[in-house]
């Protein structure tokens, strides 16, 4: 499955993706702006995941479903979205289907990068 996600990133998002690397079950997507995305699926707990974008300016964007008690008030708990920082958390509406989710996340990244270039 992770190989298919790498293929989607490289082919469908070649305008923003420089390269991909799979290591120890984690997919790293290198972006053309110098930042990267890590995609991780738990081998121990079925369905547990994280899509994490580490921006070059220090911002982070992450969809994950690790059930942190701190975020139990979020409507989509345990799914949640870190929007720019670890502490700014809101609902996560990302798909539970990994192929749809990678496309949704990379579309979000594409828009963020486009918006930052237009500023």
PDB file of N, CA and C in Angstrom:
ATOM      1  N   UNK A   1       0.815  -1.201   0.000  1.00  0.00           N
ATOM      2  CA  UNK A   1       0.000   0.000   0.000  1.00  0.00           C
ATOM      3  C   UNK A   1       0.862   1.270   0.000  1.00  0.00           C
ATOM      4  N   UNK A   2       1.907   1.298   0.801  1.00  0.00           N
ATOM      5  CA  UNK A   2       2.725   2.511   0.909  1.00  0.00           C
ATOM      6  C   UNK A   2       3.406   2.826  -0.429  1.00  0.00           C
ATOM      7  N   UNK A   3       3.732   1.770  -1.180  1.00  0.00           N
ATOM      8  CA  UNK A   3       4.332   1.968  -2.498  1.00  0.00           C
ATOM      9  C   UNK A   3       3.348   2.675  -3.433  1.00  0.00           C
ATOM     10  N   UNK A   4       2.069   2.311  -3.350  1.00  0.00           N
ATOM     11  CA  UNK A   4       1.036   2.941  -4.168  1.00  0.00           C
ATOM     12  C   UNK A   4       0.891   4.417  -3.796  1.00  0.00           C
ATOM     13  N   UNK A   5       0.978   4.748  -2.534  1.00  0.00           N
ATOM     14  CA  UNK A   5       0.888   6.146  -2.098  1.00  0.00           C
ATOM     15  C   UNK A   5       2.067   6.950  -2.619  1.00  0.00           C
ATOM     16  N   UNK A   6       3.253   6.340  -2.629  1.00  0.00           N
ATOM     17  CA  UNK A   6       4.434   7.009  -3.188  1.00  0.00           C
ATOM     18  C   UNK A   6       4.237   7.277  -4.671  1.00  0.00           C
ATOM     19  N   UNK A   7       3.677   6.298  -5.368  1.00  0.00           N
ATOM     20  CA  UNK A   7       3.415   6.446  -6.799  1.00  0.00           C
ATOM     21  C   UNK A   7       2.414   7.578  -7.063  1.00  0.00           C
ATOM     22  N   UNK A   8       1.359   7.645  -6.276  1.00  0.00           N
ATOM     23  CA  UNK A   8       0.381   8.731  -6.416  1.00  0.00           C
ATOM     24  C   UNK A   8       1.067  10.082  -6.228  1.00  0.00           C
ATOM     25  N   UNK A   9       1.884  10.191  -5.190  1.00  0.00           N
ATOM     26  CA  UNK A   9       2.574  11.451  -4.909  1.00  0.00           C
ATOM     27  C   UNK A   9       3.489  11.849  -6.057  1.00  0.00           C
ATOM     28  N   UNK A  10       4.286  10.913  -6.542  1.00  0.00           N
ATOM     29  CA  UNK A  10       5.254  11.228  -7.592  1.00  0.00           C
ATOM     30  C   UNK A  10       4.605  11.549  -8.934  1.00  0.00           C
ATOM     31  N   UNK A  11       3.537  10.846  -9.276  1.00  0.00           N
ATOM     32  CA  UNK A  11       2.925  11.033 -10.595  1.00  0.00           C
ATOM     33  C   UNK A  11       1.887  12.146 -10.598  1.00  0.00           C
ATOM     34  N   UNK A  12       0.939  12.078  -9.669  1.00  0.00           N
ATOM     35  CA  UNK A  12      -0.160  13.039  -9.683  1.00  0.00           C
ATOM     36  C   UNK A  12       0.205  14.407  -9.110  1.00  0.00           C
ATOM     37  N   UNK A  13       1.267  14.470  -8.341  1.00  0.00           N
ATOM     38  CA  UNK A  13       1.654  15.727  -7.693  1.00  0.00           C
ATOM     39  C   UNK A  13       3.103  16.096  -8.030  1.00  0.00           C
ATOM     40  N   UNK A  14       3.519  15.773  -9.249  1.00  0.00           N
ATOM     41  CA  UNK A  14       4.895  16.029  -9.675  1.00  0.00           C
ATOM     42  C   UNK A  14       5.236  17.524  -9.695  1.00  0.00           C
ATOM     43  N   UNK A  15       4.222  18.376  -9.718  1.00  0.00           N
ATOM     44  CA  UNK A  15       4.475  19.817  -9.687  1.00  0.00           C
ATOM     45  C   UNK A  15       5.003  20.280  -8.330  1.00  0.00           C
ATOM     46  N   UNK A  16       4.717  19.530  -7.258  1.00  0.00           N
ATOM     47  CA  UNK A  16       5.196  19.922  -5.925  1.00  0.00           C
ATOM     48  C   UNK A  16       6.121  18.887  -5.295  1.00  0.00           C
ATOM     49  N   UNK A  17       6.114  17.644  -5.802  1.00  0.00           N
ATOM     50  CA  UNK A  17       6.896  16.560  -5.204  1.00  0.00           C
ATOM     51  C   UNK A  17       8.217  16.384  -5.946  1.00  0.00           C
ATOM     52  N   UNK A  18       9.299  16.420  -5.185  1.00  0.00           N
ATOM     53  CA  UNK A  18      10.650  16.216  -5.720  1.00  0.00           C
ATOM     54  C   UNK A  18      10.983  14.732  -5.814  1.00  0.00           C
ATOM     55  N   UNK A  19      10.693  13.998  -4.713  1.00  0.00           N
ATOM     56  CA  UNK A  19      11.029  12.571  -4.643  1.00  0.00           C
ATOM     57  C   UNK A  19      10.301  11.949  -3.462  1.00  0.00           C
ATOM     58  N   UNK A  20      10.327  10.613  -3.420  1.00  0.00           N
ATOM     59  CA  UNK A  20       9.776   9.898  -2.268  1.00  0.00           C
ATOM     60  C   UNK A  20      10.788   8.859  -1.800  1.00  0.00           C
ATOM     61  N   UNK A  21      10.628   8.454  -0.544  1.00  0.00           N
ATOM     62  CA  UNK A  21      11.520   7.450   0.042  1.00  0.00           C
ATOM     63  C   UNK A  21      10.703   6.627   1.031  1.00  0.00           C
ATOM     64  N   UNK A  22      10.869   5.340   0.974  1.00  0.00           N
ATOM     65  CA  UNK A  22      10.195   4.452   1.931  1.00  0.00           C
ATOM     66  C   UNK A  22      11.269   3.840   2.808  1.00  0.00           C
ATOM     67  N   UNK A  23      11.120   4.041   4.121  1.00  0.00           N
ATOM     68  CA  UNK A  23      12.098   3.498   5.061  1.00  0.00           C
ATOM     69  C   UNK A  23      11.385   3.067   6.335  1.00  0.00           C
ATOM     70  N   UNK A  24      11.593   1.847   6.726  1.00  0.00           N
ATOM     71  CA  UNK A  24      10.994   1.283   7.942  1.00  0.00           C
ATOM     72  C   UNK A  24       9.481   1.468   7.955  1.00  0.00           C
ATOM     73  N   UNK A  25       8.837   1.257   6.810  1.00  0.00           N
ATOM     74  CA  UNK A  25       7.389   1.328   6.738  1.00  0.00           C
ATOM     75  C   UNK A  25       6.799   2.721   6.702  1.00  0.00           C
ATOM     76  N   UNK A  26       7.648   3.740   6.647  1.00  0.00           N
ATOM     77  CA  UNK A  26       7.182   5.123   6.600  1.00  0.00           C
ATOM     78  C   UNK A  26       7.509   5.702   5.237  1.00  0.00           C
ATOM     79  N   UNK A  27       6.585   6.461   4.697  1.00  0.00           N
ATOM     80  CA  UNK A  27       6.795   7.145   3.430  1.00  0.00           C
ATOM     81  C   UNK A  27       7.200   8.584   3.713  1.00  0.00           C
ATOM     82  N   UNK A  28       8.311   9.004   3.149  1.00  0.00           N
ATOM     83  CA  UNK A  28       8.709  10.415   3.220  1.00  0.00           C
ATOM     84  C   UNK A  28       8.586  10.981   1.814  1.00  0.00           C
ATOM     85  N   UNK A  29       7.901  12.098   1.717  1.00  0.00           N
ATOM     86  CA  UNK A  29       7.707  12.802   0.453  1.00  0.00           C
ATOM     87  C   UNK A  29       8.475  14.107   0.541  1.00  0.00           C
ATOM     88  N   UNK A  30       9.481  14.252  -0.318  1.00  0.00           N
ATOM     89  CA  UNK A  30      10.279  15.474  -0.356  1.00  0.00           C
ATOM     90  C   UNK A  30       9.615  16.448  -1.329  1.00  0.00           C
ATOM     91  N   UNK A  31       9.343  17.645  -0.842  1.00  0.00           N
ATOM     92  CA  UNK A  31       8.673  18.650  -1.657  1.00  0.00           C
ATOM     93  C   UNK A  31       9.686  19.597  -2.288  1.00  0.00           C
ATOM     94  N   UNK A  32       9.294  20.209  -3.386  1.00  0.00           N
ATOM     95  CA  UNK A  32      10.197  21.079  -4.136  1.00  0.00           C
ATOM     96  C   UNK A  32      10.576  22.347  -3.393  1.00  0.00           C
ATOM     97  N   UNK A  33       9.828  22.715  -2.348  1.00  0.00           N
ATOM     98  CA  UNK A  33      10.184  23.909  -1.570  1.00  0.00           C
ATOM     99  C   UNK A  33      11.195  23.600  -0.473  1.00  0.00           C
ATOM    100  N   UNK A  34      11.621  22.329  -0.359  1.00  0.00           N
ATOM    101  CA  UNK A  34      12.604  21.942   0.652  1.00  0.00           C
ATOM    102  C   UNK A  34      11.989  21.332   1.902  1.00  0.00           C
ATOM    103  N   UNK A  35      10.681  21.323   2.011  1.00  0.00           N
ATOM    104  CA  UNK A  35      10.016  20.715   3.165  1.00  0.00           C
ATOM    105  C   UNK A  35       9.715  19.242   2.861  1.00  0.00           C
ATOM    106  N   UNK A  36       9.090  18.553   3.815  1.00  0.00           N
ATOM    107  CA  UNK A  36       8.777  17.153   3.598  1.00  0.00           C
ATOM    108  C   UNK A  36       7.491  16.755   4.313  1.00  0.00           C
ATOM    109  N   UNK A  37       6.931  15.661   3.832  1.00  0.00           N
ATOM    110  CA  UNK A  37       5.739  15.050   4.424  1.00  0.00           C
ATOM    111  C   UNK A  37       6.109  13.634   4.823  1.00  0.00           C
ATOM    112  N   UNK A  38       5.703  13.237   6.027  1.00  0.00           N
ATOM    113  CA  UNK A  38       5.834  11.849   6.459  1.00  0.00           C
ATOM    114  C   UNK A  38       4.446  11.235   6.539  1.00  0.00           C
ATOM    115  N   UNK A  39       4.315  10.045   5.977  1.00  0.00           N
ATOM    116  CA  UNK A  39       3.070   9.287   6.046  1.00  0.00           C
ATOM    117  C   UNK A  39       3.387   7.991   6.774  1.00  0.00           C
ATOM    118  N   UNK A  40       2.653   7.741   7.858  1.00  0.00           N
ATOM    119  CA  UNK A  40       2.937   6.607   8.723  1.00  0.00           C
ATOM    120  C   UNK A  40       1.649   5.847   9.029  1.00  0.00           C
ATOM    121  N   UNK A  41       1.741   4.529   8.989  1.00  0.00           N
ATOM    122  CA  UNK A  41       0.644   3.648   9.388  1.00  0.00           C
ATOM    123  C   UNK A  41       1.187   2.678  10.426  1.00  0.00           C
ATOM    124  N   UNK A  42       0.482   2.533  11.524  1.00  0.00           N
ATOM    125  CA  UNK A  42       0.912   1.634  12.588  1.00  0.00           C
ATOM    126  C   UNK A  42       0.889   0.183  12.118  1.00  0.00           C
ATOM    127  N   UNK A  43       1.918  -0.537  12.493  1.00  0.00           N
ATOM    128  CA  UNK A  43       1.953  -1.975  12.210  1.00  0.00           C
ATOM    129  C   UNK A  43       1.276  -2.747  13.346  1.00  0.00           C
ATOM    130  N   UNK A  44       1.153  -2.105  14.514  1.00  0.00           N
ATOM    131  CA  UNK A  44       0.586  -2.770  15.683  1.00  0.00           C
ATOM    132  C   UNK A  44      -0.916  -2.547  15.820  1.00  0.00           C
ATOM    133  N   UNK A  45      -1.382  -1.347  15.482  1.00  0.00           N
ATOM    134  CA  UNK A  45      -2.800  -1.010  15.654  1.00  0.00           C
ATOM    135  C   UNK A  45      -3.398  -0.699  14.295  1.00  0.00           C
ATOM    136  N   UNK A  46      -4.217  -1.597  13.806  1.00  0.00           N
ATOM    137  CA  UNK A  46      -4.818  -1.452  12.483  1.00  0.00           C
ATOM    138  C   UNK A  46      -5.613  -0.147  12.393  1.00  0.00           C
ATOM    139  N   UNK A  47      -5.376   0.593  11.306  1.00  0.00           N
ATOM    140  CA  UNK A  47      -6.119   1.823  11.075  1.00  0.00           C
ATOM    141  C   UNK A  47      -5.505   3.074  11.676  1.00  0.00           C
ATOM    142  N   UNK A  48      -4.458   2.944  12.480  1.00  0.00           N
ATOM    143  CA  UNK A  48      -3.805   4.103  13.103  1.00  0.00           C
ATOM    144  C   UNK A  48      -2.855   4.731  12.094  1.00  0.00           C
ATOM    145  N   UNK A  49      -2.904   6.066  11.946  1.00  0.00           N
ATOM    146  CA  UNK A  49      -2.115   6.733  10.911  1.00  0.00           C
ATOM    147  C   UNK A  49      -1.724   8.151  11.307  1.00  0.00           C
ATOM    148  N   UNK A  50      -0.819   8.718  10.519  1.00  0.00           N
ATOM    149  CA  UNK A  50      -0.476  10.139  10.607  1.00  0.00           C
ATOM    150  C   UNK A  50       0.017  10.600   9.241  1.00  0.00           C
ATOM    151  N   UNK A  51      -0.465  11.763   8.817  1.00  0.00           N
ATOM    152  CA  UNK A  51       0.006  12.461   7.617  1.00  0.00           C
ATOM    153  C   UNK A  51       0.565  13.776   8.135  1.00  0.00           C
ATOM    154  N   UNK A  52       1.870  13.934   8.098  1.00  0.00           N
ATOM    155  CA  UNK A  52       2.544  15.038   8.782  1.00  0.00           C
ATOM    156  C   UNK A  52       3.396  15.839   7.805  1.00  0.00           C
ATOM    157  N   UNK A  53       3.099  17.134   7.692  1.00  0.00           N
ATOM    158  CA  UNK A  53       3.890  18.029   6.838  1.00  0.00           C
ATOM    159  C   UNK A  53       4.700  18.960   7.717  1.00  0.00           C
ATOM    160  N   UNK A  54       5.993  18.891   7.580  1.00  0.00           N
ATOM    161  CA  UNK A  54       6.932  19.734   8.317  1.00  0.00           C
ATOM    162  C   UNK A  54       7.391  20.844   7.375  1.00  0.00           C
ATOM    163  N   UNK A  55       6.853  22.049   7.568  1.00  0.00           N
ATOM    164  CA  UNK A  55       7.166  23.184   6.693  1.00  0.00           C
ATOM    165  C   UNK A  55       8.546  23.754   6.998  1.00  0.00           C
ATOM    166  N   UNK A  56       9.125  24.445   6.024  1.00  0.00           N
ATOM    167  CA  UNK A  56      10.463  24.995   6.229  1.00  0.00           C
ATOM    168  C   UNK A  56      10.454  26.169   7.204  1.00  0.00           C
ATOM    169  N   UNK A  57       9.293  26.780   7.431  1.00  0.00           N
ATOM    170  CA  UNK A  57       9.225  27.905   8.371  1.00  0.00           C
ATOM    171  C   UNK A  57       8.848  27.462   9.786  1.00  0.00           C
ATOM    172  N   UNK A  58       8.785  26.143  10.023  1.00  0.00           N
ATOM    173  CA  UNK A  58       8.498  25.623  11.353  1.00  0.00           C
ATOM    174  C   UNK A  58       7.045  25.241  11.593  1.00  0.00           C
ATOM    175  N   UNK A  59       6.144  25.641  10.714  1.00  0.00           N
ATOM    176  CA  UNK A  59       4.751  25.232  10.877  1.00  0.00           C
ATOM    177  C   UNK A  59       4.620  23.729  10.626  1.00  0.00           C
ATOM    178  N   UNK A  60       3.628  23.133  11.262  1.00  0.00           N
ATOM    179  CA  UNK A  60       3.319  21.724  11.008  1.00  0.00           C
ATOM    180  C   UNK A  60       1.831  21.596  10.713  1.00  0.00           C
ATOM    181  N   UNK A  61       1.539  20.672   9.844  1.00  0.00           N
ATOM    182  CA  UNK A  61       0.161  20.311   9.538  1.00  0.00           C
ATOM    183  C   UNK A  61       0.102  18.795   9.623  1.00  0.00           C
ATOM    184  N   UNK A  62      -0.802  18.280  10.472  1.00  0.00           N
ATOM    185  CA  UNK A  62      -0.843  16.826  10.641  1.00  0.00           C
ATOM    186  C   UNK A  62      -2.264  16.345  10.900  1.00  0.00           C
ATOM    187  N   UNK A  63      -2.672  15.395  10.091  1.00  0.00           N
ATOM    188  CA  UNK A  63      -3.890  14.638  10.353  1.00  0.00           C
ATOM    189  C   UNK A  63      -3.432  13.355  11.027  1.00  0.00           C
ATOM    190  N   UNK A  64      -4.012  13.044  12.178  1.00  0.00           N
ATOM    191  CA  UNK A  64      -3.728  11.746  12.785  1.00  0.00           C
ATOM    192  C   UNK A  64      -4.928  11.293  13.598  1.00  0.00           C
ATOM    193  N   UNK A  65      -4.897  10.049  13.993  1.00  0.00           N
ATOM    194  CA  UNK A  65      -6.012   9.521  14.784  1.00  0.00           C
ATOM    195  C   UNK A  65      -5.525   8.829  16.053  1.00  0.00           C
ATOM    196  N   UNK A  66      -4.454   9.340  16.603  1.00  0.00           N
ATOM    197  CA  UNK A  66      -3.970   8.854  17.891  1.00  0.00           C
ATOM    198  C   UNK A  66      -4.864   9.505  18.952  1.00  0.00           C
ATOM    199  N   UNK A  67      -5.524   8.706  19.792  1.00  0.00           N
ATOM    200  CA  UNK A  67      -6.550   9.244  20.690  1.00  0.00           C
ATOM    201  C   UNK A  67      -5.999   9.965  21.919  1.00  0.00           C
ATOM    202  N   UNK A  68      -5.397  11.127  21.694  1.00  0.00           N
ATOM    203  CA  UNK A  68      -4.908  11.938  22.812  1.00  0.00           C
ATOM    204  C   UNK A  68      -6.105  12.461  23.605  1.00  0.00           C
ATOM    205  N   UNK A  69      -6.125  12.216  24.900  1.00  0.00           N
ATOM    206  CA  UNK A  69      -7.231  12.682  25.744  1.00  0.00           C
ATOM    207  C   UNK A  69      -7.420  14.192  25.635  1.00  0.00           C
ATOM    208  N   UNK A  70      -6.338  14.881  25.399  1.00  0.00           N
ATOM    209  CA  UNK A  70      -6.358  16.340  25.289  1.00  0.00           C
ATOM    210  C   UNK A  70      -7.312  16.821  24.192  1.00  0.00           C
ATOM    211  N   UNK A  71      -7.509  16.012  23.161  1.00  0.00           N
ATOM    212  CA  UNK A  71      -8.328  16.426  22.010  1.00  0.00           C
ATOM    213  C   UNK A  71      -9.687  15.723  21.974  1.00  0.00           C
ATOM    214  N   UNK A  72     -10.122  15.136  23.089  1.00  0.00           N
ATOM    215  CA  UNK A  72     -11.382  14.383  23.094  1.00  0.00           C
ATOM    216  C   UNK A  72     -12.607  15.256  22.844  1.00  0.00           C
ATOM    217  N   UNK A  73     -12.475  16.570  22.966  1.00  0.00           N
ATOM    218  CA  UNK A  73     -13.598  17.470  22.692  1.00  0.00           C
ATOM    219  C   UNK A  73     -13.762  17.768  21.200  1.00  0.00           C
ATOM    220  N   UNK A  74     -12.824  17.328  20.375  1.00  0.00           N
ATOM    221  CA  UNK A  74     -12.900  17.520  18.926  1.00  0.00           C
ATOM    222  C   UNK A  74     -13.993  16.606  18.379  1.00  0.00           C
ATOM    223  N   UNK A  75     -14.866  17.142  17.559  1.00  0.00           N
ATOM    224  CA  UNK A  75     -16.024  16.402  17.051  1.00  0.00           C
ATOM    225  C   UNK A  75     -15.641  15.094  16.346  1.00  0.00           C
ATOM    226  N   UNK A  76     -14.501  15.068  15.640  1.00  0.00           N
ATOM    227  CA  UNK A  76     -14.096  13.876  14.895  1.00  0.00           C
ATOM    228  C   UNK A  76     -13.153  12.958  15.679  1.00  0.00           C
ATOM    229  N   UNK A  77     -13.000  13.199  16.983  1.00  0.00           N
ATOM    230  CA  UNK A  77     -12.117  12.410  17.835  1.00  0.00           C
ATOM    231  C   UNK A  77     -12.333  10.910  17.594  1.00  0.00           C
ATOM    232  N   UNK A  78     -11.269  10.114  17.470  1.00  0.00           N
ATOM    233  CA  UNK A  78      -9.871  10.463  17.718  1.00  0.00           C
ATOM    234  C   UNK A  78      -9.175  11.168  16.549  1.00  0.00           C
ATOM    235  N   UNK A  79      -9.843  11.230  15.383  1.00  0.00           N
ATOM    236  CA  UNK A  79      -9.244  11.956  14.258  1.00  0.00           C
ATOM    237  C   UNK A  79      -9.166  13.438  14.606  1.00  0.00           C
ATOM    238  N   UNK A  80      -8.030  14.051  14.286  1.00  0.00           N
ATOM    239  CA  UNK A  80      -7.875  15.490  14.509  1.00  0.00           C
ATOM    240  C   UNK A  80      -6.807  16.038  13.577  1.00  0.00           C
ATOM    241  N   UNK A  81      -6.770  17.356  13.473  1.00  0.00           N
ATOM    242  CA  UNK A  81      -5.871  18.031  12.544  1.00  0.00           C
ATOM    243  C   UNK A  81      -5.102  19.111  13.279  1.00  0.00           C
ATOM    244  N   UNK A  82      -3.781  19.009  13.248  1.00  0.00           N
ATOM    245  CA  UNK A  82      -2.901  20.039  13.798  1.00  0.00           C
ATOM    246  C   UNK A  82      -2.709  21.063  12.687  1.00  0.00           C
ATOM    247  N   UNK A  83      -3.217  22.256  12.902  1.00  0.00           N
ATOM    248  CA  UNK A  83      -3.271  23.276  11.852  1.00  0.00           C
ATOM    249  C   UNK A  83      -2.243  24.379  12.108  1.00  0.00           C
ATOM    250  N   UNK A  84      -1.016  24.104  11.687  1.00  0.00           N
ATOM    251  CA  UNK A  84       0.050  25.092  11.815  1.00  0.00           C
ATOM    252  C   UNK A  84       0.944  24.905  13.024  1.00  0.00           C
ATOM    253  N   UNK A  85       0.412  24.253  14.074  1.00  0.00           N
ATOM    254  CA  UNK A  85       1.214  24.012  15.275  1.00  0.00           C
ATOM    255  C   UNK A  85       0.651  22.808  16.028  1.00  0.00           C
ATOM    256  N   UNK A  86       1.408  22.324  16.998  1.00  0.00           N
ATOM    257  CA  UNK A  86       0.972  21.184  17.800  1.00  0.00           C
ATOM    258  C   UNK A  86      -0.281  21.511  18.609  1.00  0.00           C
ATOM    259  N   UNK A  87      -0.419  22.767  19.035  1.00  0.00           N
ATOM    260  CA  UNK A  87      -1.514  23.143  19.924  1.00  0.00           C
ATOM    261  C   UNK A  87      -2.765  23.637  19.222  1.00  0.00           C
ATOM    262  N   UNK A  88      -2.682  24.031  17.970  1.00  0.00           N
ATOM    263  CA  UNK A  88      -3.855  24.502  17.230  1.00  0.00           C
ATOM    264  C   UNK A  88      -4.493  23.297  16.546  1.00  0.00           C
ATOM    265  N   UNK A  89      -5.513  22.728  17.187  1.00  0.00           N
ATOM    266  CA  UNK A  89      -6.099  21.466  16.741  1.00  0.00           C
ATOM    267  C   UNK A  89      -7.590  21.639  16.463  1.00  0.00           C
ATOM    268  N   UNK A  90      -8.035  21.019  15.365  1.00  0.00           N
ATOM    269  CA  UNK A  90      -9.443  21.082  14.980  1.00  0.00           C
ATOM    270  C   UNK A  90      -9.865  19.744  14.376  1.00  0.00           C
ATOM    271  N   UNK A  91     -11.105  19.689  13.879  1.00  0.00           N
ATOM    272  CA  UNK A  91     -11.628  18.478  13.255  1.00  0.00           C
ATOM    273  C   UNK A  91     -10.758  18.033  12.086  1.00  0.00           C
ATOM    274  N   UNK A  92     -10.712  16.739  11.877  1.00  0.00           N
ATOM    275  CA  UNK A  92     -10.057  16.178  10.699  1.00  0.00           C
ATOM    276  C   UNK A  92     -11.113  15.499   9.849  1.00  0.00           C
ATOM    277  N   UNK A  93     -11.252  15.987   8.635  1.00  0.00           N
ATOM    278  CA  UNK A  93     -12.227  15.414   7.716  1.00  0.00           C
ATOM    279  C   UNK A  93     -11.558  14.590   6.626  1.00  0.00           C
ATOM    280  N   UNK A  94     -10.291  14.257   6.828  1.00  0.00           N
ATOM    281  CA  UNK A  94      -9.547  13.472   5.840  1.00  0.00           C
ATOM    282  C   UNK A  94     -10.171  12.067   5.734  1.00  0.00           C
ATOM    283  N   UNK A  95     -10.137  11.526   4.540  1.00  0.00           N
ATOM    284  CA  UNK A  95     -10.711  10.211   4.281  1.00  0.00           C
ATOM    285  C   UNK A  95      -9.998   9.122   5.087  1.00  0.00           C
ATOM    286  N   UNK A  96     -10.740   8.073   5.394  1.00  0.00           N
ATOM    287  CA  UNK A  96     -10.138   6.903   6.038  1.00  0.00           C
ATOM    288  C   UNK A  96      -9.486   5.975   5.015  1.00  0.00           C
ATOM    289  N   UNK A  97      -9.743   6.211   3.739  1.00  0.00           N
ATOM    290  CA  UNK A  97      -9.122   5.449   2.661  1.00  0.00           C
ATOM    291  C   UNK A  97      -7.754   6.078   2.362  1.00  0.00           C
ATOM    292  N   UNK A  98      -6.649   5.342   2.529  1.00  0.00           N
ATOM    293  CA  UNK A  98      -5.316   5.931   2.363  1.00  0.00           C
ATOM    294  C   UNK A  98      -5.071   6.587   1.005  1.00  0.00           C
ATOM    295  N   UNK A  99      -5.574   6.009  -0.082  1.00  0.00           N
ATOM    296  CA  UNK A  99      -5.345   6.614  -1.399  1.00  0.00           C
ATOM    297  C   UNK A  99      -6.097   7.934  -1.540  1.00  0.00           C
ATOM    298  N   UNK A 100      -7.316   7.984  -1.044  1.00  0.00           N
ATOM    299  CA  UNK A 100      -8.062   9.249  -1.054  1.00  0.00           C
ATOM    300  C   UNK A 100      -7.407  10.256  -0.122  1.00  0.00           C
ATOM    301  N   UNK A 101      -6.993   9.786   1.046  1.00  0.00           N
ATOM    302  CA  UNK A 101      -6.393  10.673   2.043  1.00  0.00           C
ATOM    303  C   UNK A 101      -5.103  11.312   1.536  1.00  0.00           C
ATOM    304  N   UNK A 102      -4.239  10.539   0.863  1.00  0.00           N
ATOM    305  CA  UNK A 102      -2.984  11.124   0.368  1.00  0.00           C
ATOM    306  C   UNK A 102      -3.280  12.181  -0.681  1.00  0.00           C
ATOM    307  N   UNK A 103      -4.281  11.927  -1.506  1.00  0.00           N
ATOM    308  CA  UNK A 103      -4.669  12.930  -2.508  1.00  0.00           C
ATOM    309  C   UNK A 103      -5.221  14.188  -1.833  1.00  0.00           C
ATOM    310  N   UNK A 104      -6.065  14.014  -0.836  1.00  0.00           N
ATOM    311  CA  UNK A 104      -6.630  15.162  -0.117  1.00  0.00           C
ATOM    312  C   UNK A 104      -5.527  15.973   0.557  1.00  0.00           C
ATOM    313  N   UNK A 105      -4.596  15.274   1.196  1.00  0.00           N
ATOM    314  CA  UNK A 105      -3.533  15.976   1.911  1.00  0.00           C
ATOM    315  C   UNK A 105      -2.607  16.697   0.937  1.00  0.00           C
ATOM    316  N   UNK A 106      -2.248  16.040  -0.151  1.00  0.00           N
ATOM    317  CA  UNK A 106      -1.365  16.678  -1.127  1.00  0.00           C
ATOM    318  C   UNK A 106      -2.061  17.833  -1.851  1.00  0.00           C
ATOM    319  N   UNK A 107      -3.363  17.766  -2.037  1.00  0.00           N
ATOM    320  CA  UNK A 107      -4.104  18.910  -2.591  1.00  0.00           C
ATOM    321  C   UNK A 107      -4.028  20.090  -1.620  1.00  0.00           C
ATOM    322  N   UNK A 108      -4.180  19.811  -0.324  1.00  0.00           N
ATOM    323  CA  UNK A 108      -4.059  20.843   0.703  1.00  0.00           C
ATOM    324  C   UNK A 108      -2.664  21.469   0.649  1.00  0.00           C
ATOM    325  N   UNK A 109      -1.633  20.631   0.578  1.00  0.00           N
ATOM    326  CA  UNK A 109      -0.247  21.119   0.522  1.00  0.00           C
ATOM    327  C   UNK A 109      -0.042  21.962  -0.735  1.00  0.00           C
ATOM    328  N   UNK A 110      -0.519  21.475  -1.860  1.00  0.00           N
ATOM    329  CA  UNK A 110      -0.393  22.208  -3.131  1.00  0.00           C
ATOM    330  C   UNK A 110      -0.996  23.612  -2.996  1.00  0.00           C
ATOM    331  N   UNK A 111      -2.179  23.691  -2.411  1.00  0.00           N
ATOM    332  CA  UNK A 111      -2.847  24.989  -2.243  1.00  0.00           C
ATOM    333  C   UNK A 111      -2.045  25.894  -1.308  1.00  0.00           C
ATOM    334  N   UNK A 112      -1.546  25.340  -0.214  1.00  0.00           N
ATOM    335  CA  UNK A 112      -0.753  26.134   0.724  1.00  0.00           C
ATOM    336  C   UNK A 112       0.513  26.678   0.053  1.00  0.00           C
ATOM    337  N   UNK A 113       1.175  25.834  -0.722  1.00  0.00           N
ATOM    338  CA  UNK A 113       2.394  26.270  -1.410  1.00  0.00           C
ATOM    339  C   UNK A 113       2.073  27.328  -2.454  1.00  0.00           C
ATOM    340  N   UNK A 114       1.007  27.140  -3.195  1.00  0.00           N
ATOM    341  CA  UNK A 114       0.596  28.114  -4.218  1.00  0.00           C
ATOM    342  C   UNK A 114       0.287  29.454  -3.559  1.00  0.00           C
ATOM    343  N   UNK A 115      -0.485  29.420  -2.468  1.00  0.00           N
ATOM    344  CA  UNK A 115      -0.839  30.647  -1.759  1.00  0.00           C
ATOM    345  C   UNK A 115       0.393  31.363  -1.222  1.00  0.00           C
ATOM    346  N   UNK A 116       1.382  30.605  -0.729  1.00  0.00           N
ATOM    347  CA  UNK A 116       2.585  31.236  -0.173  1.00  0.00           C
ATOM    348  C   UNK A 116       3.447  31.868  -1.272  1.00  0.00           C
ATOM    349  N   UNK A 117       3.415  31.288  -2.471  1.00  0.00           N
ATOM    350  CA  UNK A 117       4.169  31.862  -3.593  1.00  0.00           C
ATOM    351  C   UNK A 117       3.504  33.130  -4.121  1.00  0.00           C
ATOM    352  N   UNK A 118       2.178  33.231  -3.960  1.00  0.00           N
ATOM    353  CA  UNK A 118       1.450  34.391  -4.471  1.00  0.00           C
ATOM    354  C   UNK A 118       1.525  35.574  -3.532  1.00  0.00           C
ATOM    355  N   UNK A 119       1.962  35.369  -2.286  1.00  0.00           N
ATOM    356  CA  UNK A 119       2.033  36.475  -1.313  1.00  0.00           C
ATOM    357  C   UNK A 119       3.159  37.421  -1.617  1.00  0.00           C
TER     358      UNK A 119
END
